[in-house]
Protein backbone atom coordinates (compact mmCIF):
# COMPACT_ATOMS: atom_id res chain seq x y z
CA UNK A 1 -0.22 0.04 0.16
CA UNK A 2 1.32 3.35 -0.85
CA UNK A 3 0.04 6.79 0.69
CA UNK A 4 1.57 10.29 -0.42
CA UNK A 5 1.17 13.68 0.82
CA UNK A 6 1.44 16.87 -1.21
CA UNK A 7 0.86 20.47 -0.71
CA UNK A 8 0.07 21.34 -4.35
CA UNK A 9 -0.29 24.98 -3.85
CA UNK A 10 -3.66 25.27 -5.56
CA UNK A 11 -5.22 22.16 -7.39
CA UNK A 12 -6.57 24.16 -10.45
CA UNK A 13 -3.39 25.60 -11.11
CA UNK A 14 -1.39 22.32 -10.46
CA UNK A 15 -3.96 20.12 -11.86
CA UNK A 16 -2.16 18.76 -14.74
CA UNK A 17 1.04 18.08 -12.51
CA UNK A 18 -1.11 16.18 -10.13
CA UNK A 19 -2.89 14.07 -12.81
CA UNK A 20 0.45 13.42 -14.49
CA UNK A 21 2.14 12.57 -11.40
CA UNK A 22 -0.76 9.92 -10.39
CA UNK A 23 -0.80 8.39 -13.71
CA UNK A 24 3.25 7.76 -13.25
CA UNK A 25 2.67 6.83 -9.38
CA UNK A 26 -0.32 5.23 -8.75
CA UNK A 27 -0.33 5.39 -5.29
CA UNK A 28 -3.47 4.14 -3.20
CA UNK A 29 -4.24 7.46 -1.85
CA UNK A 30 -2.94 11.02 -2.22
CA UNK A 31 -3.33 13.38 0.42
CA UNK A 32 -3.26 16.82 -0.74
CA UNK A 33 -3.01 20.33 0.98
CA UNK A 34 -3.48 23.92 -0.21
CA UNK A 35 -6.29 23.00 -2.67
CA UNK A 36 -7.43 26.81 -2.39
CA UNK A 37 -11.04 26.07 -3.72
CA UNK A 38 -14.33 25.56 -2.47
CA UNK A 39 -15.81 22.01 -2.96
CA UNK A 40 -18.04 23.13 -5.55
CA UNK A 41 -15.33 24.11 -7.65
CA UNK A 42 -13.02 21.36 -7.11
CA UNK A 43 -12.08 19.77 -10.52
CA UNK A 44 -13.57 16.30 -9.95
CA UNK A 45 -14.00 14.68 -13.29
CA UNK A 46 -10.46 14.58 -14.27
CA UNK A 47 -9.80 12.45 -11.07
CA UNK A 48 -12.96 10.43 -11.30
CA UNK A 49 -12.38 9.85 -14.90
CA UNK A 50 -9.25 8.10 -14.05
CA UNK A 51 -11.26 6.10 -11.25
CA UNK A 52 -10.54 8.02 -8.07
CA UNK A 53 -12.72 8.71 -5.44
CA UNK A 54 -12.66 12.22 -3.83
CA UNK A 55 -13.13 13.42 -0.47
CA UNK A 56 -12.64 17.27 -0.04
CA UNK A 57 -12.99 20.08 2.32
CA UNK A 58 -11.79 23.28 1.01
CA UNK A 59 -12.23 27.29 0.96
CA UNK A 60 -11.91 30.05 -1.35
CA UNK A 61 -8.30 30.99 -2.32
CA UNK A 62 -6.69 29.46 0.92
CA UNK A 63 -6.13 26.22 2.67
CA UNK A 64 -8.21 23.22 1.70
CA UNK A 65 -7.33 19.47 1.93
CA UNK A 66 -8.55 16.17 0.19
CA UNK A 67 -8.25 12.62 -0.21
CA UNK A 68 -7.66 11.16 -3.56
CA UNK A 69 -8.12 7.44 -3.19
CA UNK A 70 -7.93 4.64 -5.65
CA UNK A 71 -10.81 2.62 -3.55
CA UNK A 72 -13.53 4.26 -1.53
CA UNK A 73 -12.46 5.01 2.16
CA UNK A 74 -14.84 4.75 5.15
CA UNK A 75 -15.63 6.92 8.16
CA UNK A 76 -14.76 10.45 6.44
CA UNK A 77 -14.77 13.57 8.62
CA UNK A 78 -13.63 16.94 7.92
CA UNK A 79 -12.08 19.22 10.77
CA UNK A 80 -11.76 18.61 14.42
CA UNK A 81 -15.18 19.30 15.55
CA UNK A 82 -16.75 15.87 14.44
CA UNK A 83 -14.55 14.20 16.98
CA UNK A 84 -13.73 17.02 19.56
CA UNK A 85 -16.96 18.82 19.77
CA UNK A 86 -17.56 22.58 19.09
CA UNK A 87 -17.16 23.91 22.61
CA UNK A 88 -13.24 22.53 22.35
CA UNK A 89 -12.39 23.38 18.83
CA UNK A 90 -14.14 26.82 18.87
CA UNK A 91 -13.26 28.86 15.49
CA UNK A 92 -10.59 26.49 14.39
CA UNK A 93 -12.28 24.68 12.00
CA UNK A 94 -13.25 27.97 9.82
CA UNK A 95 -9.82 27.44 8.16
CA UNK A 96 -10.07 23.91 6.34
CA UNK A 97 -7.02 22.04 7.36
CA UNK A 98 -8.19 18.61 8.59
CA UNK A 99 -9.54 15.57 6.66
CA UNK A 100 -9.69 11.78 7.70
CA UNK A 101 -10.61 8.34 6.14
CA UNK A 102 -9.99 4.88 6.80
CA UNK A 103 -8.68 2.46 4.11
CA UNK A 104 -8.43 -1.28 5.02
CA UNK A 105 -8.32 -0.72 8.50
CA UNK A 106 -5.84 2.16 8.22
CA UNK A 107 -6.75 5.60 9.37
CA UNK A 108 -5.30 8.19 7.24
CA UNK A 109 -5.39 11.70 8.79
CA UNK A 110 -4.40 14.46 6.08
CA UNK A 111 -3.23 17.78 7.62
CA UNK A 112 -2.45 21.32 6.56
CA UNK A 113 -0.83 22.94 9.76
CA UNK A 114 -0.73 26.66 9.87
CA UNK A 115 2.52 28.46 9.07
CA UNK A 116 2.33 30.94 11.67
CA UNK A 117 3.72 33.91 9.61
CA UNK A 118 6.48 35.14 12.23
CA UNK A 119 7.56 33.87 15.57
CA UNK A 120 5.56 35.76 18.17
CA UNK A 121 2.76 37.15 15.97
CA UNK A 122 -0.72 36.73 16.37
CA UNK A 123 -0.95 33.78 13.46
CA UNK A 124 2.00 32.25 15.58
CA UNK A 125 -0.16 31.98 18.65
CA UNK A 126 -2.79 30.62 16.44
CA UNK A 127 -0.50 27.79 15.28
CA UNK A 128 0.59 26.73 18.77
CA UNK A 129 -3.09 26.64 19.95
CA UNK A 130 -3.88 24.43 16.75
CA UNK A 131 -1.07 22.12 17.67
CA UNK A 132 -2.39 21.81 21.15
CA UNK A 133 -6.07 20.86 19.65
CA UNK A 134 -4.49 18.41 17.14
CA UNK A 135 -3.04 16.49 20.19
CA UNK A 136 -6.38 16.32 21.36
CA UNK A 137 -7.90 15.22 18.13
CA UNK A 138 -5.30 12.51 17.71
CA UNK A 139 -5.61 11.32 21.21
CA UNK A 140 -9.17 10.91 20.62
CA UNK A 141 -8.77 9.15 17.50
CA UNK A 142 -6.42 6.65 19.13
CA UNK A 143 -8.76 5.86 21.77
CA UNK A 144 -11.46 5.40 19.20
CA UNK A 145 -9.53 3.14 16.78
CA UNK A 146 -8.23 0.37 19.46
CA UNK A 147 -5.70 -0.54 21.72
CA UNK A 148 -3.23 -0.86 18.75
CA UNK A 149 -4.45 1.86 16.52
CA UNK A 150 -3.17 2.03 12.95
CA UNK A 151 -3.01 5.54 12.10
CA UNK A 152 -0.96 7.37 9.70
CA UNK A 153 -0.82 11.28 9.78
CA UNK A 154 0.67 12.86 6.99
CA UNK A 155 0.59 16.57 5.61
CA UNK A 156 2.46 19.99 5.50
CA UNK A 157 3.25 20.43 8.92
CA UNK A 158 5.11 23.68 8.53
CA UNK A 159 7.48 22.42 10.98
CA UNK A 160 11.30 20.96 10.67
CA UNK A 161 11.62 19.13 13.37
CA UNK A 162 15.29 19.01 13.55
CA UNK A 163 18.24 20.94 12.48
CA UNK A 164 19.10 18.23 9.80
CA UNK A 165 15.62 19.05 8.16
CA UNK A 166 16.86 22.55 7.18
CA UNK A 167 19.79 23.44 4.64
CA UNK A 168 21.00 26.08 7.17
CA UNK A 169 19.86 25.83 10.62
CA UNK A 170 21.86 28.68 11.71
CA UNK A 171 19.48 31.50 13.67
CA UNK A 172 16.51 28.79 13.33
CA UNK A 173 15.30 29.84 16.86
CA UNK A 174 14.08 32.94 15.57
CA UNK A 175 12.64 31.53 12.47
CA UNK A 176 8.99 30.38 11.80
CA UNK A 177 8.74 26.86 11.10
CA UNK A 178 11.90 25.83 13.32
CA UNK A 179 11.47 27.80 16.57
CA UNK A 180 11.48 25.72 19.94
CA UNK A 181 7.76 26.28 20.78
CA UNK A 182 6.80 24.85 17.39
CA UNK A 183 9.18 22.15 17.66
CA UNK A 184 8.10 21.16 21.38
CA UNK A 185 4.38 21.57 20.50
CA UNK A 186 4.92 19.12 17.58
CA UNK A 187 6.94 16.76 19.89
CA UNK A 188 4.13 16.60 22.32
CA UNK A 189 1.60 15.56 19.71
CA UNK A 190 4.26 12.80 18.50
CA UNK A 191 4.61 11.48 22.31
CA UNK A 192 1.12 10.25 21.53
CA UNK A 193 3.07 7.21 19.88
CA UNK A 194 4.02 8.45 16.56
CA UNK A 195 7.08 8.03 14.58
CA UNK A 196 8.67 9.82 11.50
CA UNK A 197 8.67 7.24 9.35
CA UNK A 198 11.28 9.04 6.85
CA UNK A 199 13.77 8.80 9.42
CA UNK A 200 13.43 4.94 9.67
CA UNK A 201 14.95 4.69 6.18
CA UNK A 202 17.16 8.00 5.98
CA UNK A 203 19.20 9.30 8.72
CA UNK A 204 21.09 11.85 6.89
CA UNK A 205 20.36 15.47 6.45
CA UNK A 206 20.07 17.24 2.79
CA UNK A 207 16.72 15.52 2.13
CA UNK A 208 14.01 18.29 1.75
CA UNK A 209 10.27 18.61 0.60
CA UNK A 210 9.79 22.41 0.28
CA UNK A 211 12.10 25.06 -1.57
CA UNK A 212 11.22 28.63 -1.56
CA UNK A 213 10.56 30.13 -4.88
CA UNK A 214 12.85 32.88 -4.23
CA UNK A 215 16.76 32.96 -4.78
CA UNK A 216 17.02 29.73 -6.52
CA UNK A 217 16.37 27.93 -3.58
CA UNK A 218 15.65 24.42 -5.43
CA UNK A 219 18.51 24.60 -7.60
CA UNK A 220 20.76 25.30 -4.79
CA UNK A 221 18.87 22.45 -2.65
CA UNK A 222 18.45 25.07 0.03
CA UNK A 223 15.11 23.60 1.15
CA UNK A 224 13.39 22.44 4.66
CA UNK A 225 11.73 19.09 5.27
CA UNK A 226 8.55 20.13 6.45
CA UNK A 227 5.93 17.39 4.70
CA UNK A 228 5.96 14.22 6.77
CA UNK A 229 4.26 10.94 7.55
CA UNK A 230 3.79 10.18 11.03
CA UNK A 231 2.68 6.47 11.94
CA UNK A 232 1.59 4.58 15.14
CA UNK A 233 3.90 1.39 16.07
CA UNK A 234 1.51 -0.88 14.17
CA UNK A 235 2.04 0.87 11.01
CA UNK A 236 5.83 1.87 11.65
CA UNK A 237 6.62 -1.68 11.63
CA UNK A 238 5.15 -2.23 8.27
CA UNK A 239 6.80 0.64 6.56
CA UNK A 240 9.04 -0.60 3.94
CA UNK A 241 9.81 2.71 2.27
CA UNK A 242 9.42 6.40 2.45
CA UNK A 243 10.66 8.67 -0.57
CA UNK A 244 10.65 12.26 -1.64
CA UNK A 245 10.10 12.91 -5.18
CA UNK A 246 11.61 15.95 -6.36
CA UNK A 247 10.82 15.65 -9.89
CA UNK A 248 7.73 17.71 -9.82
CA UNK A 249 9.20 20.51 -8.43
CA UNK A 250 11.59 20.63 -11.52
CA UNK A 251 8.74 21.33 -13.62
CA UNK A 252 7.75 24.66 -15.21
CA UNK A 253 5.46 26.75 -12.59
CA UNK A 254 5.61 23.87 -9.81
CA UNK A 255 4.30 23.80 -6.40
CA UNK A 256 7.11 25.01 -4.14
CA UNK A 257 6.44 21.37 -2.27
CA UNK A 258 7.37 17.83 -3.59
CA UNK A 259 5.28 14.58 -2.85
CA UNK A 260 6.14 12.25 -0.09
CA UNK A 261 5.24 8.59 -0.38
CA UNK A 262 5.21 6.16 2.15
CA UNK A 263 4.75 2.36 1.28
CA UNK A 264 3.36 -0.15 3.75
CA UNK A 265 3.66 -3.80 3.66
CA UNK A 266 0.22 -5.33 3.16
CA UNK A 267 -0.81 -7.38 6.18
CA UNK A 268 -1.70 -10.92 5.76
């Protein structure tokens, strides 16, 4: 089973890139972020014509997440509220950043974590609060699924968890996506029992999933690894590969992110 995550930075702008990638890489589920389109305007037919099933949660011009699956998914919910209730979530679900579904007993959670703008800003405080609620959300899903939950959480986390995930970590303490508070907030989420599956196969630095459009960052490989797959132990043991495909970033007018794919051994 192969599951990929990709921040496409507008599904309509990058439609041809995504369709071509899916045909060359027929993953079981593609989790996309930053679709930037309301549900009614999502380009459905190009995917359904290829036999894919769509589960989407979008908004105009910003954010938006979707699950694109070769087979139907079960137990689909969007946002934190269906799991945690409105009183705890408040206004956080106004931004469409969360969608989940189940495939063959595996719960897939697709996230677009807020960027935070700059350390100390109002958006930064929002990001930290969002991550606190994410922890409650995943804790509830772990309890809901079983004593040995099979959960894969993926998406654009907008956080480089370690210095080796940044091309140049100098001064990262003051840099959005790498500050101590952001890393600590994500680490608290992972302490529920999630592990970074990319690091199961690749210990070295220099592997990135996002490159700024400016200053020739991609050409110089001045990137960040901020797109992740985190797995519960039952799935981590079944992971046999996790790779970053930089080829789409080389295309004309690409997304600034590259797709990241994890492969799981099918349980007998």
